[in-house]
Amino acid sequence: MTEILEIIGSLGVVPVVKIEDAGQALDLADALTDGGLPVAEITFRTTAAEAAITSIVDARPDMLVGAGTVLTTEQAGQAIGAGARFIVAPGFNPTVVAYCQKHDTPVFPGVCTPTDIEAALGFGLTALKFFPAEAFGGLKTLKALGGPYGNVKFIPTGGISTNNLADYLASPKVLACGGSWMVAADMISGGEFEKISDLTREAVAIAKDARSGS
């Protein structure tokens, strides 16, 4: 868990991927890596997710690959079996969290209230997805939630873009941000991998500046 947190924290941005064709997974992985982000959260919003994870894990072992939008223990099992090194869920499902912990896989459940956070703390989790970030008040809400829970770090996701990425990453409560703007589904399906690399480089530069205080 510590190693995964360190990698995610050092990168600052986690691309949230919706991919329809697993045959494009390696091109996507290379585009992200070329752009400076050797990490991807492959969401279980399509039937290609499991195969895409397997493809990247097998061919690009240096890339950190996780699974997102995991709603059930069945999906968690598929993701872990495919080689996902971390699991992300949109909400806090204790059954999914317990399953991931049983299988020694880091899990980042979604939270947006103190009740959610305390439920997660009950499982020993201190790195949580804040979702949907912008719809639930963005940084203002994050700051309020972070006050009572000093040991918790958040991964805001939902509504994150180049317009607000730096503001989020400047917060000491933010481990990293999840976002899909650099890996939009239509860009992936359209084979626009050079564009994906360019947008990824831009995100990396913003993250670097935000973390350095520039």
N, C-alpha and C. Protein backbone atom coordinates (compact mmCIF):
# COMPACT_ATOMS: atom_id res chain seq x y z
N MET A 1 0.83 -1.21 0.00
CA MET A 1 0.00 0.00 0.00
C MET A 1 0.86 1.25 0.00
N THR A 2 1.90 1.26 0.84
CA THR A 2 2.76 2.43 0.94
C THR A 2 3.42 2.76 -0.39
N GLU A 3 3.90 1.73 -1.09
CA GLU A 3 4.57 1.95 -2.38
C GLU A 3 3.60 2.56 -3.39
N ILE A 4 2.38 2.04 -3.44
CA ILE A 4 1.38 2.56 -4.37
C ILE A 4 1.07 4.02 -4.06
N LEU A 5 0.90 4.32 -2.78
CA LEU A 5 0.62 5.70 -2.37
C LEU A 5 1.76 6.63 -2.76
N GLU A 6 2.99 6.17 -2.57
CA GLU A 6 4.15 6.99 -2.91
C GLU A 6 4.21 7.28 -4.40
N ILE A 7 3.93 6.28 -5.21
CA ILE A 7 3.96 6.48 -6.66
C ILE A 7 2.87 7.45 -7.09
N ILE A 8 1.64 7.21 -6.62
CA ILE A 8 0.53 8.07 -6.99
C ILE A 8 0.77 9.50 -6.50
N GLY A 9 1.25 9.61 -5.28
CA GLY A 9 1.52 10.94 -4.73
C GLY A 9 2.61 11.67 -5.48
N SER A 10 3.63 10.95 -5.92
CA SER A 10 4.73 11.59 -6.64
C SER A 10 4.31 12.05 -8.03
N LEU A 11 3.40 11.31 -8.65
CA LEU A 11 2.92 11.68 -9.99
C LEU A 11 1.91 12.82 -9.93
N GLY A 12 1.04 12.77 -8.94
CA GLY A 12 0.08 13.85 -8.74
C GLY A 12 -1.18 13.78 -9.56
N VAL A 13 -1.17 13.00 -10.63
CA VAL A 13 -2.34 12.89 -11.51
C VAL A 13 -2.53 11.42 -11.88
N VAL A 14 -3.78 10.96 -11.81
CA VAL A 14 -4.12 9.60 -12.22
C VAL A 14 -5.12 9.67 -13.38
N PRO A 15 -4.72 9.28 -14.59
CA PRO A 15 -5.65 9.27 -15.72
C PRO A 15 -6.76 8.24 -15.50
N VAL A 16 -8.00 8.68 -15.63
CA VAL A 16 -9.16 7.81 -15.43
C VAL A 16 -9.68 7.42 -16.81
N VAL A 17 -9.52 6.15 -17.15
CA VAL A 17 -9.68 5.69 -18.53
C VAL A 17 -10.97 4.90 -18.74
N LYS A 18 -11.69 5.27 -19.79
CA LYS A 18 -12.81 4.46 -20.29
C LYS A 18 -12.42 4.00 -21.68
N ILE A 19 -12.16 2.72 -21.82
CA ILE A 19 -11.68 2.18 -23.10
C ILE A 19 -12.65 1.12 -23.62
N GLU A 20 -13.00 1.24 -24.90
CA GLU A 20 -13.98 0.33 -25.50
C GLU A 20 -13.32 -0.86 -26.19
N ASP A 21 -12.07 -0.69 -26.60
CA ASP A 21 -11.36 -1.72 -27.37
C ASP A 21 -10.03 -2.03 -26.69
N ALA A 22 -9.93 -3.21 -26.11
CA ALA A 22 -8.70 -3.59 -25.41
C ALA A 22 -7.51 -3.63 -26.36
N GLY A 23 -7.77 -3.72 -27.65
CA GLY A 23 -6.69 -3.71 -28.63
C GLY A 23 -5.95 -2.38 -28.69
N GLN A 24 -6.53 -1.34 -28.11
CA GLN A 24 -5.89 -0.03 -28.07
C GLN A 24 -5.17 0.24 -26.75
N ALA A 25 -5.19 -0.73 -25.87
CA ALA A 25 -4.65 -0.52 -24.52
C ALA A 25 -3.16 -0.20 -24.52
N LEU A 26 -2.39 -0.91 -25.32
CA LEU A 26 -0.94 -0.68 -25.32
C LEU A 26 -0.59 0.67 -25.93
N ASP A 27 -1.31 1.07 -26.97
CA ASP A 27 -1.08 2.39 -27.55
C ASP A 27 -1.37 3.48 -26.52
N LEU A 28 -2.43 3.27 -25.76
CA LEU A 28 -2.78 4.22 -24.70
C LEU A 28 -1.70 4.25 -23.63
N ALA A 29 -1.27 3.07 -23.20
CA ALA A 29 -0.23 2.99 -22.17
C ALA A 29 1.04 3.71 -22.62
N ASP A 30 1.42 3.51 -23.87
CA ASP A 30 2.62 4.17 -24.38
C ASP A 30 2.43 5.68 -24.47
N ALA A 31 1.23 6.12 -24.84
CA ALA A 31 0.96 7.55 -24.94
C ALA A 31 1.07 8.21 -23.57
N LEU A 32 0.53 7.55 -22.55
CA LEU A 32 0.60 8.10 -21.20
C LEU A 32 2.04 8.12 -20.69
N THR A 33 2.74 7.04 -20.92
CA THR A 33 4.13 6.97 -20.47
C THR A 33 4.99 8.01 -21.18
N ASP A 34 4.78 8.15 -22.48
CA ASP A 34 5.53 9.16 -23.24
C ASP A 34 5.25 10.56 -22.71
N GLY A 35 4.03 10.76 -22.21
CA GLY A 35 3.66 12.06 -21.67
C GLY A 35 4.12 12.27 -20.24
N GLY A 36 4.67 11.23 -19.62
CA GLY A 36 5.20 11.37 -18.27
C GLY A 36 4.34 10.83 -17.16
N LEU A 37 3.27 10.09 -17.51
CA LEU A 37 2.40 9.51 -16.49
C LEU A 37 2.30 7.99 -16.69
N PRO A 38 3.19 7.23 -16.11
CA PRO A 38 3.13 5.77 -16.23
C PRO A 38 2.13 5.16 -15.25
N VAL A 39 0.90 5.64 -15.32
CA VAL A 39 -0.16 5.16 -14.42
C VAL A 39 -1.49 5.29 -15.13
N ALA A 40 -2.41 4.38 -14.84
CA ALA A 40 -3.75 4.46 -15.41
C ALA A 40 -4.74 3.75 -14.51
N GLU A 41 -5.90 4.36 -14.38
CA GLU A 41 -7.04 3.73 -13.71
C GLU A 41 -8.02 3.34 -14.80
N ILE A 42 -8.08 2.04 -15.10
CA ILE A 42 -8.96 1.53 -16.15
C ILE A 42 -10.33 1.25 -15.53
N THR A 43 -11.33 2.00 -15.95
CA THR A 43 -12.64 1.88 -15.30
C THR A 43 -13.45 0.71 -15.85
N PHE A 44 -14.21 0.10 -14.96
CA PHE A 44 -15.10 -1.00 -15.34
C PHE A 44 -16.43 -0.45 -15.86
N ARG A 45 -16.33 0.56 -16.72
CA ARG A 45 -17.52 1.09 -17.37
C ARG A 45 -17.75 0.44 -18.73
N THR A 46 -16.80 -0.38 -19.15
CA THR A 46 -16.93 -1.10 -20.41
C THR A 46 -16.52 -2.55 -20.20
N THR A 47 -16.91 -3.39 -21.15
CA THR A 47 -16.57 -4.81 -21.06
C THR A 47 -15.11 -5.06 -21.43
N ALA A 48 -14.43 -4.03 -21.93
CA ALA A 48 -13.03 -4.20 -22.33
C ALA A 48 -12.06 -3.99 -21.18
N ALA A 49 -12.56 -3.56 -20.04
CA ALA A 49 -11.68 -3.17 -18.93
C ALA A 49 -10.73 -4.29 -18.50
N GLU A 50 -11.27 -5.45 -18.24
CA GLU A 50 -10.45 -6.55 -17.73
C GLU A 50 -9.33 -6.91 -18.71
N ALA A 51 -9.68 -7.04 -19.99
CA ALA A 51 -8.68 -7.39 -21.00
C ALA A 51 -7.66 -6.28 -21.18
N ALA A 52 -8.10 -5.03 -21.07
CA ALA A 52 -7.18 -3.90 -21.21
C ALA A 52 -6.16 -3.90 -20.08
N ILE A 53 -6.61 -4.18 -18.87
CA ILE A 53 -5.70 -4.25 -17.73
C ILE A 53 -4.66 -5.35 -17.94
N THR A 54 -5.13 -6.53 -18.33
CA THR A 54 -4.22 -7.65 -18.57
C THR A 54 -3.19 -7.31 -19.63
N SER A 55 -3.65 -6.69 -20.71
CA SER A 55 -2.76 -6.35 -21.82
C SER A 55 -1.63 -5.42 -21.36
N ILE A 56 -1.98 -4.38 -20.62
CA ILE A 56 -0.97 -3.42 -20.17
C ILE A 56 -0.04 -4.04 -19.13
N VAL A 57 -0.62 -4.75 -18.18
CA VAL A 57 0.19 -5.36 -17.11
C VAL A 57 1.21 -6.34 -17.68
N ASP A 58 0.78 -7.14 -18.66
CA ASP A 58 1.68 -8.14 -19.24
C ASP A 58 2.79 -7.51 -20.08
N ALA A 59 2.43 -6.47 -20.85
CA ALA A 59 3.40 -5.90 -21.80
C ALA A 59 4.18 -4.71 -21.25
N ARG A 60 3.62 -4.04 -20.25
CA ARG A 60 4.26 -2.84 -19.70
C ARG A 60 4.33 -2.97 -18.17
N PRO A 61 5.16 -3.88 -17.67
CA PRO A 61 5.20 -4.16 -16.23
C PRO A 61 5.63 -2.98 -15.37
N ASP A 62 6.29 -2.00 -15.96
CA ASP A 62 6.73 -0.84 -15.18
C ASP A 62 5.62 0.19 -14.99
N MET A 63 4.50 -0.02 -15.65
CA MET A 63 3.40 0.93 -15.52
C MET A 63 2.49 0.51 -14.36
N LEU A 64 2.03 1.49 -13.59
CA LEU A 64 1.13 1.23 -12.47
C LEU A 64 -0.30 1.24 -12.99
N VAL A 65 -0.94 0.09 -12.97
CA VAL A 65 -2.30 -0.05 -13.51
C VAL A 65 -3.27 -0.43 -12.41
N GLY A 66 -4.35 0.33 -12.31
CA GLY A 66 -5.40 0.02 -11.36
C GLY A 66 -6.74 -0.08 -12.06
N ALA A 67 -7.75 -0.42 -11.31
CA ALA A 67 -9.11 -0.53 -11.85
C ALA A 67 -10.02 0.46 -11.15
N GLY A 68 -10.89 1.10 -11.92
CA GLY A 68 -11.82 2.06 -11.35
C GLY A 68 -13.26 1.69 -11.59
N THR A 69 -14.16 2.45 -10.99
CA THR A 69 -15.61 2.19 -11.07
C THR A 69 -15.90 0.75 -10.69
N VAL A 70 -15.24 0.28 -9.65
CA VAL A 70 -15.45 -1.09 -9.17
C VAL A 70 -16.60 -1.06 -8.17
N LEU A 71 -17.69 -1.72 -8.52
CA LEU A 71 -18.92 -1.65 -7.73
C LEU A 71 -19.20 -2.92 -6.94
N THR A 72 -18.60 -4.04 -7.36
CA THR A 72 -18.92 -5.33 -6.75
C THR A 72 -17.64 -6.12 -6.45
N THR A 73 -17.78 -7.13 -5.60
CA THR A 73 -16.63 -7.99 -5.33
C THR A 73 -16.26 -8.80 -6.58
N GLU A 74 -17.25 -9.08 -7.42
CA GLU A 74 -16.96 -9.80 -8.66
C GLU A 74 -16.04 -8.98 -9.55
N GLN A 75 -16.36 -7.69 -9.70
CA GLN A 75 -15.50 -6.82 -10.50
C GLN A 75 -14.12 -6.68 -9.86
N ALA A 76 -14.09 -6.57 -8.54
CA ALA A 76 -12.81 -6.48 -7.84
C ALA A 76 -11.97 -7.72 -8.11
N GLY A 77 -12.61 -8.87 -8.07
CA GLY A 77 -11.90 -10.12 -8.34
C GLY A 77 -11.38 -10.18 -9.77
N GLN A 78 -12.20 -9.72 -10.71
CA GLN A 78 -11.76 -9.70 -12.11
C GLN A 78 -10.56 -8.77 -12.28
N ALA A 79 -10.63 -7.61 -11.64
CA ALA A 79 -9.56 -6.63 -11.76
C ALA A 79 -8.26 -7.15 -11.16
N ILE A 80 -8.36 -7.71 -9.96
CA ILE A 80 -7.17 -8.24 -9.28
C ILE A 80 -6.59 -9.40 -10.08
N GLY A 81 -7.48 -10.25 -10.59
CA GLY A 81 -7.03 -11.38 -11.40
C GLY A 81 -6.33 -10.94 -12.68
N ALA A 82 -6.76 -9.79 -13.20
CA ALA A 82 -6.16 -9.26 -14.43
C ALA A 82 -4.82 -8.59 -14.17
N GLY A 83 -4.53 -8.34 -12.89
CA GLY A 83 -3.25 -7.74 -12.55
C GLY A 83 -3.31 -6.33 -12.02
N ALA A 84 -4.51 -5.81 -11.78
CA ALA A 84 -4.64 -4.45 -11.23
C ALA A 84 -3.95 -4.38 -9.88
N ARG A 85 -3.17 -3.31 -9.68
CA ARG A 85 -2.42 -3.16 -8.43
C ARG A 85 -3.14 -2.29 -7.41
N PHE A 86 -4.22 -1.65 -7.83
CA PHE A 86 -5.06 -0.91 -6.88
C PHE A 86 -6.48 -0.85 -7.43
N ILE A 87 -7.42 -0.63 -6.52
CA ILE A 87 -8.84 -0.58 -6.86
C ILE A 87 -9.42 0.76 -6.42
N VAL A 88 -10.23 1.35 -7.30
CA VAL A 88 -10.90 2.61 -6.98
C VAL A 88 -12.40 2.40 -7.14
N ALA A 89 -13.18 2.89 -6.18
CA ALA A 89 -14.63 2.77 -6.23
C ALA A 89 -15.26 4.16 -6.11
N PRO A 90 -16.42 4.37 -6.73
CA PRO A 90 -17.07 5.68 -6.65
C PRO A 90 -17.66 5.99 -5.29
N GLY A 91 -17.95 4.95 -4.52
CA GLY A 91 -18.53 5.13 -3.19
C GLY A 91 -17.91 4.18 -2.21
N PHE A 92 -18.38 4.24 -0.97
CA PHE A 92 -17.84 3.35 0.06
C PHE A 92 -18.74 2.13 0.21
N ASN A 93 -18.26 1.00 -0.29
CA ASN A 93 -18.95 -0.27 -0.17
C ASN A 93 -18.09 -1.16 0.72
N PRO A 94 -18.51 -1.39 1.97
CA PRO A 94 -17.67 -2.15 2.90
C PRO A 94 -17.34 -3.56 2.42
N THR A 95 -18.24 -4.15 1.64
CA THR A 95 -17.99 -5.50 1.13
C THR A 95 -16.83 -5.49 0.14
N VAL A 96 -16.82 -4.50 -0.74
CA VAL A 96 -15.73 -4.38 -1.72
C VAL A 96 -14.42 -4.05 -1.02
N VAL A 97 -14.47 -3.14 -0.05
CA VAL A 97 -13.26 -2.78 0.69
C VAL A 97 -12.68 -4.00 1.40
N ALA A 98 -13.53 -4.74 2.08
CA ALA A 98 -13.06 -5.93 2.80
C ALA A 98 -12.47 -6.96 1.85
N TYR A 99 -13.08 -7.11 0.68
CA TYR A 99 -12.58 -8.07 -0.31
C TYR A 99 -11.18 -7.67 -0.77
N CYS A 100 -11.00 -6.40 -1.07
CA CYS A 100 -9.69 -5.93 -1.53
C CYS A 100 -8.63 -6.12 -0.45
N GLN A 101 -8.98 -5.79 0.78
CA GLN A 101 -8.02 -5.95 1.87
C GLN A 101 -7.68 -7.42 2.09
N LYS A 102 -8.66 -8.29 1.95
CA LYS A 102 -8.42 -9.72 2.08
C LYS A 102 -7.42 -10.20 1.03
N HIS A 103 -7.46 -9.56 -0.14
CA HIS A 103 -6.58 -9.95 -1.24
C HIS A 103 -5.36 -9.02 -1.36
N ASP A 104 -5.08 -8.30 -0.27
CA ASP A 104 -3.86 -7.47 -0.18
C ASP A 104 -3.73 -6.49 -1.34
N THR A 105 -4.85 -5.89 -1.72
CA THR A 105 -4.86 -4.93 -2.82
C THR A 105 -5.32 -3.57 -2.31
N PRO A 106 -4.51 -2.53 -2.48
CA PRO A 106 -4.91 -1.19 -2.03
C PRO A 106 -6.23 -0.78 -2.66
N VAL A 107 -7.09 -0.16 -1.86
CA VAL A 107 -8.40 0.26 -2.35
C VAL A 107 -8.66 1.70 -1.92
N PHE A 108 -9.20 2.47 -2.86
CA PHE A 108 -9.52 3.88 -2.61
C PHE A 108 -11.01 4.08 -2.85
N PRO A 109 -11.83 3.93 -1.82
CA PRO A 109 -13.27 4.12 -1.99
C PRO A 109 -13.62 5.60 -2.07
N GLY A 110 -14.73 5.89 -2.74
CA GLY A 110 -15.17 7.27 -2.85
C GLY A 110 -15.89 7.73 -1.60
N VAL A 111 -15.61 8.97 -1.18
CA VAL A 111 -16.28 9.56 -0.02
C VAL A 111 -16.65 11.00 -0.35
N CYS A 112 -17.66 11.51 0.35
CA CYS A 112 -18.01 12.93 0.19
C CYS A 112 -18.65 13.50 1.45
N THR A 113 -18.71 12.70 2.53
CA THR A 113 -19.28 13.16 3.79
C THR A 113 -18.43 12.67 4.96
N PRO A 114 -18.57 13.30 6.13
CA PRO A 114 -17.87 12.80 7.32
C PRO A 114 -18.23 11.35 7.64
N THR A 115 -19.48 10.98 7.42
CA THR A 115 -19.90 9.60 7.68
C THR A 115 -19.13 8.62 6.81
N ASP A 116 -18.98 8.97 5.52
CA ASP A 116 -18.20 8.12 4.61
C ASP A 116 -16.76 7.98 5.11
N ILE A 117 -16.18 9.10 5.49
CA ILE A 117 -14.78 9.10 5.92
C ILE A 117 -14.60 8.23 7.16
N GLU A 118 -15.51 8.35 8.11
CA GLU A 118 -15.38 7.57 9.34
C GLU A 118 -15.58 6.08 9.08
N ALA A 119 -16.44 5.76 8.12
CA ALA A 119 -16.61 4.35 7.75
C ALA A 119 -15.30 3.81 7.18
N ALA A 120 -14.65 4.62 6.35
CA ALA A 120 -13.37 4.21 5.76
C ALA A 120 -12.28 4.09 6.82
N LEU A 121 -12.27 5.04 7.75
CA LEU A 121 -11.29 4.98 8.83
C LEU A 121 -11.44 3.70 9.64
N GLY A 122 -12.68 3.23 9.75
CA GLY A 122 -12.94 1.99 10.48
C GLY A 122 -12.26 0.79 9.85
N PHE A 123 -11.92 0.91 8.56
CA PHE A 123 -11.20 -0.15 7.86
C PHE A 123 -9.70 0.16 7.77
N GLY A 124 -9.28 1.21 8.46
CA GLY A 124 -7.87 1.56 8.46
C GLY A 124 -7.41 2.32 7.23
N LEU A 125 -8.35 2.86 6.46
CA LEU A 125 -8.00 3.57 5.24
C LEU A 125 -7.80 5.06 5.51
N THR A 126 -6.72 5.60 5.00
CA THR A 126 -6.45 7.03 5.19
C THR A 126 -6.16 7.75 3.87
N ALA A 127 -6.31 7.06 2.75
CA ALA A 127 -6.22 7.68 1.43
C ALA A 127 -7.51 7.35 0.70
N LEU A 128 -8.29 8.38 0.41
CA LEU A 128 -9.65 8.17 -0.09
C LEU A 128 -9.93 9.01 -1.32
N LYS A 129 -10.78 8.48 -2.19
CA LYS A 129 -11.23 9.23 -3.35
C LYS A 129 -12.31 10.22 -2.91
N PHE A 130 -12.17 11.49 -3.28
CA PHE A 130 -13.22 12.49 -3.02
C PHE A 130 -14.00 12.64 -4.31
N PHE A 131 -15.23 12.13 -4.31
CA PHE A 131 -16.02 12.05 -5.55
C PHE A 131 -17.50 12.26 -5.28
N PRO A 132 -18.18 12.96 -6.19
CA PRO A 132 -17.65 13.76 -7.30
C PRO A 132 -17.19 15.12 -6.80
N ALA A 133 -15.94 15.42 -6.98
CA ALA A 133 -15.30 16.55 -6.31
C ALA A 133 -15.98 17.89 -6.57
N GLU A 134 -16.08 18.29 -7.81
CA GLU A 134 -16.63 19.61 -8.11
C GLU A 134 -18.12 19.69 -7.79
N ALA A 135 -18.86 18.64 -8.05
CA ALA A 135 -20.30 18.64 -7.78
C ALA A 135 -20.59 18.76 -6.29
N PHE A 136 -19.65 18.32 -5.45
CA PHE A 136 -19.85 18.39 -4.00
C PHE A 136 -19.10 19.55 -3.35
N GLY A 137 -18.81 20.57 -4.14
CA GLY A 137 -18.26 21.78 -3.55
C GLY A 137 -16.78 21.99 -3.70
N GLY A 138 -16.10 21.05 -4.34
CA GLY A 138 -14.69 21.23 -4.66
C GLY A 138 -13.79 21.46 -3.46
N LEU A 139 -12.86 22.38 -3.63
CA LEU A 139 -11.84 22.63 -2.61
C LEU A 139 -12.43 23.13 -1.30
N LYS A 140 -13.51 23.89 -1.38
CA LYS A 140 -14.14 24.40 -0.17
C LYS A 140 -14.61 23.25 0.71
N THR A 141 -15.27 22.28 0.10
CA THR A 141 -15.74 21.11 0.84
C THR A 141 -14.56 20.27 1.32
N LEU A 142 -13.57 20.11 0.46
CA LEU A 142 -12.40 19.31 0.81
C LEU A 142 -11.69 19.88 2.03
N LYS A 143 -11.56 21.19 2.07
CA LYS A 143 -10.92 21.84 3.21
C LYS A 143 -11.72 21.61 4.49
N ALA A 144 -13.04 21.71 4.37
CA ALA A 144 -13.90 21.50 5.54
C ALA A 144 -13.82 20.06 6.03
N LEU A 145 -13.83 19.11 5.09
CA LEU A 145 -13.75 17.70 5.47
C LEU A 145 -12.39 17.37 6.07
N GLY A 146 -11.35 18.01 5.54
CA GLY A 146 -10.00 17.69 5.99
C GLY A 146 -9.71 18.16 7.40
N GLY A 147 -10.43 19.19 7.85
CA GLY A 147 -10.16 19.75 9.17
C GLY A 147 -10.18 18.73 10.30
N PRO A 148 -11.29 18.00 10.48
CA PRO A 148 -11.37 17.04 11.59
C PRO A 148 -10.55 15.77 11.37
N TYR A 149 -10.16 15.53 10.12
CA TYR A 149 -9.48 14.27 9.80
C TYR A 149 -8.07 14.56 9.27
N GLY A 150 -7.21 14.94 10.18
CA GLY A 150 -5.87 15.39 9.81
C GLY A 150 -5.00 14.34 9.16
N ASN A 151 -5.31 13.07 9.40
CA ASN A 151 -4.46 12.00 8.86
C ASN A 151 -4.95 11.48 7.52
N VAL A 152 -6.02 12.07 6.98
CA VAL A 152 -6.60 11.58 5.73
C VAL A 152 -6.12 12.41 4.54
N LYS A 153 -5.75 11.72 3.46
CA LYS A 153 -5.42 12.36 2.19
C LYS A 153 -6.49 11.98 1.17
N PHE A 154 -6.71 12.89 0.23
CA PHE A 154 -7.79 12.68 -0.74
C PHE A 154 -7.27 12.65 -2.17
N ILE A 155 -8.01 11.93 -3.01
CA ILE A 155 -7.79 11.93 -4.45
C ILE A 155 -9.05 12.49 -5.10
N PRO A 156 -9.15 13.80 -5.25
CA PRO A 156 -10.34 14.40 -5.85
C PRO A 156 -10.49 13.95 -7.30
N THR A 157 -11.71 13.58 -7.64
CA THR A 157 -12.02 13.12 -9.00
C THR A 157 -13.43 13.58 -9.33
N GLY A 158 -13.61 14.00 -10.57
CA GLY A 158 -14.93 14.47 -10.99
C GLY A 158 -14.92 15.98 -11.16
N GLY A 159 -14.81 16.42 -12.41
CA GLY A 159 -14.77 17.85 -12.68
C GLY A 159 -13.38 18.45 -12.63
N ILE A 160 -12.36 17.60 -12.51
CA ILE A 160 -10.98 18.10 -12.49
C ILE A 160 -10.52 18.33 -13.93
N SER A 161 -9.85 19.44 -14.16
CA SER A 161 -9.34 19.78 -15.49
C SER A 161 -8.10 20.64 -15.34
N THR A 162 -7.56 21.09 -16.47
CA THR A 162 -6.40 21.97 -16.42
C THR A 162 -6.73 23.29 -15.74
N ASN A 163 -8.01 23.62 -15.69
CA ASN A 163 -8.43 24.90 -15.09
C ASN A 163 -8.32 24.91 -13.56
N ASN A 164 -8.44 23.74 -12.93
CA ASN A 164 -8.42 23.71 -11.46
C ASN A 164 -7.42 22.72 -10.87
N LEU A 165 -6.70 22.01 -11.72
CA LEU A 165 -5.75 21.00 -11.25
C LEU A 165 -4.73 21.59 -10.28
N ALA A 166 -4.14 22.72 -10.64
CA ALA A 166 -3.11 23.32 -9.80
C ALA A 166 -3.65 23.70 -8.43
N ASP A 167 -4.87 24.21 -8.39
CA ASP A 167 -5.47 24.61 -7.11
C ASP A 167 -5.64 23.40 -6.20
N TYR A 168 -6.11 22.30 -6.75
CA TYR A 168 -6.27 21.09 -5.95
C TYR A 168 -4.93 20.57 -5.45
N LEU A 169 -3.96 20.50 -6.34
CA LEU A 169 -2.67 19.92 -5.96
C LEU A 169 -1.90 20.79 -4.99
N ALA A 170 -2.26 22.05 -4.90
CA ALA A 170 -1.60 22.94 -3.94
C ALA A 170 -2.09 22.68 -2.52
N SER A 171 -3.20 21.95 -2.38
CA SER A 171 -3.74 21.65 -1.06
C SER A 171 -2.95 20.53 -0.39
N PRO A 172 -2.57 20.69 0.86
CA PRO A 172 -1.84 19.63 1.56
C PRO A 172 -2.70 18.40 1.83
N LYS A 173 -4.01 18.52 1.63
CA LYS A 173 -4.91 17.38 1.85
C LYS A 173 -5.03 16.48 0.63
N VAL A 174 -4.46 16.93 -0.49
CA VAL A 174 -4.62 16.19 -1.75
C VAL A 174 -3.39 15.34 -2.05
N LEU A 175 -3.61 14.04 -2.17
CA LEU A 175 -2.54 13.12 -2.55
C LEU A 175 -2.26 13.22 -4.05
N ALA A 176 -3.33 13.23 -4.83
CA ALA A 176 -3.26 13.33 -6.29
C ALA A 176 -4.66 13.63 -6.78
N CYS A 177 -4.79 13.92 -8.06
CA CYS A 177 -6.10 14.15 -8.66
C CYS A 177 -6.37 13.11 -9.74
N GLY A 178 -7.61 12.66 -9.81
CA GLY A 178 -8.01 11.78 -10.90
C GLY A 178 -8.70 12.60 -11.97
N GLY A 179 -8.43 12.28 -13.23
CA GLY A 179 -9.06 13.04 -14.30
C GLY A 179 -9.07 12.28 -15.60
N SER A 180 -10.03 12.63 -16.46
CA SER A 180 -10.16 11.94 -17.74
C SER A 180 -9.95 12.86 -18.93
N TRP A 181 -9.67 14.15 -18.68
CA TRP A 181 -9.59 15.08 -19.80
C TRP A 181 -8.46 14.73 -20.76
N MET A 182 -7.39 14.14 -20.27
CA MET A 182 -6.26 13.81 -21.15
C MET A 182 -6.42 12.44 -21.80
N VAL A 183 -7.45 11.70 -21.39
CA VAL A 183 -7.70 10.36 -21.95
C VAL A 183 -9.18 10.21 -22.30
N ALA A 184 -9.76 11.24 -22.87
CA ALA A 184 -11.19 11.20 -23.22
C ALA A 184 -11.47 9.99 -24.12
N ALA A 185 -12.61 9.36 -23.88
CA ALA A 185 -12.94 8.13 -24.60
C ALA A 185 -12.92 8.31 -26.11
N ASP A 186 -13.38 9.47 -26.59
CA ASP A 186 -13.40 9.67 -28.04
C ASP A 186 -11.99 9.82 -28.61
N MET A 187 -11.06 10.33 -27.81
CA MET A 187 -9.68 10.42 -28.29
C MET A 187 -9.05 9.03 -28.37
N ILE A 188 -9.37 8.19 -27.39
CA ILE A 188 -8.84 6.82 -27.42
C ILE A 188 -9.40 6.06 -28.61
N SER A 189 -10.72 6.07 -28.76
CA SER A 189 -11.35 5.33 -29.85
C SER A 189 -10.94 5.87 -31.21
N GLY A 190 -10.63 7.17 -31.26
CA GLY A 190 -10.21 7.79 -32.52
C GLY A 190 -8.73 7.65 -32.79
N GLY A 191 -8.00 7.01 -31.88
CA GLY A 191 -6.58 6.79 -32.09
C GLY A 191 -5.73 8.04 -31.98
N GLU A 192 -6.20 9.02 -31.22
CA GLU A 192 -5.47 10.30 -31.10
C GLU A 192 -4.43 10.22 -29.97
N PHE A 193 -3.51 9.30 -30.11
CA PHE A 193 -2.57 9.05 -29.02
C PHE A 193 -1.50 10.13 -28.89
N GLU A 194 -1.16 10.78 -29.97
CA GLU A 194 -0.22 11.90 -29.87
C GLU A 194 -0.84 13.04 -29.07
N LYS A 195 -2.12 13.28 -29.31
CA LYS A 195 -2.83 14.32 -28.55
C LYS A 195 -2.89 13.95 -27.07
N ILE A 196 -3.13 12.67 -26.80
CA ILE A 196 -3.16 12.20 -25.41
C ILE A 196 -1.81 12.45 -24.74
N SER A 197 -0.74 12.17 -25.44
CA SER A 197 0.60 12.42 -24.89
C SER A 197 0.81 13.91 -24.61
N ASP A 198 0.36 14.75 -25.54
CA ASP A 198 0.52 16.20 -25.37
C ASP A 198 -0.25 16.70 -24.15
N LEU A 199 -1.49 16.24 -24.01
CA LEU A 199 -2.31 16.66 -22.87
C LEU A 199 -1.74 16.12 -21.56
N THR A 200 -1.17 14.93 -21.63
CA THR A 200 -0.55 14.34 -20.45
C THR A 200 0.67 15.15 -20.02
N ARG A 201 1.48 15.55 -20.97
CA ARG A 201 2.64 16.39 -20.65
C ARG A 201 2.21 17.69 -19.99
N GLU A 202 1.13 18.26 -20.50
CA GLU A 202 0.62 19.50 -19.93
C GLU A 202 0.20 19.28 -18.48
N ALA A 203 -0.49 18.17 -18.22
CA ALA A 203 -0.93 17.86 -16.86
C ALA A 203 0.26 17.65 -15.93
N VAL A 204 1.27 16.96 -16.42
CA VAL A 204 2.48 16.72 -15.62
C VAL A 204 3.16 18.03 -15.27
N ALA A 205 3.22 18.94 -16.23
CA ALA A 205 3.86 20.24 -16.00
C ALA A 205 3.09 21.05 -14.96
N ILE A 206 1.76 21.02 -15.06
CA ILE A 206 0.92 21.73 -14.08
C ILE A 206 1.14 21.15 -12.69
N ALA A 207 1.16 19.82 -12.60
CA ALA A 207 1.35 19.16 -11.31
C ALA A 207 2.71 19.51 -10.71
N LYS A 208 3.73 19.51 -11.54
CA LYS A 208 5.08 19.83 -11.06
C LYS A 208 5.14 21.25 -10.52
N ASP A 209 4.56 22.18 -11.26
CA ASP A 209 4.57 23.58 -10.82
C ASP A 209 3.77 23.77 -9.53
N ALA A 210 2.61 23.10 -9.46
CA ALA A 210 1.76 23.24 -8.28
C ALA A 210 2.45 22.70 -7.03
N ARG A 211 3.13 21.59 -7.17
CA ARG A 211 3.78 20.97 -6.03
C ARG A 211 5.05 21.71 -5.62
N SER A 212 5.65 22.43 -6.56
CA SER A 212 6.87 23.17 -6.25
C SER A 212 6.58 24.58 -5.76
N GLY A 213 5.28 24.95 -5.84
CA GLY A 213 4.88 26.28 -5.39
C GLY A 213 5.09 27.36 -6.42
N SER A 214 5.35 26.96 -7.68
CA SER A 214 5.58 27.95 -8.74
C SER A 214 4.29 28.66 -9.11
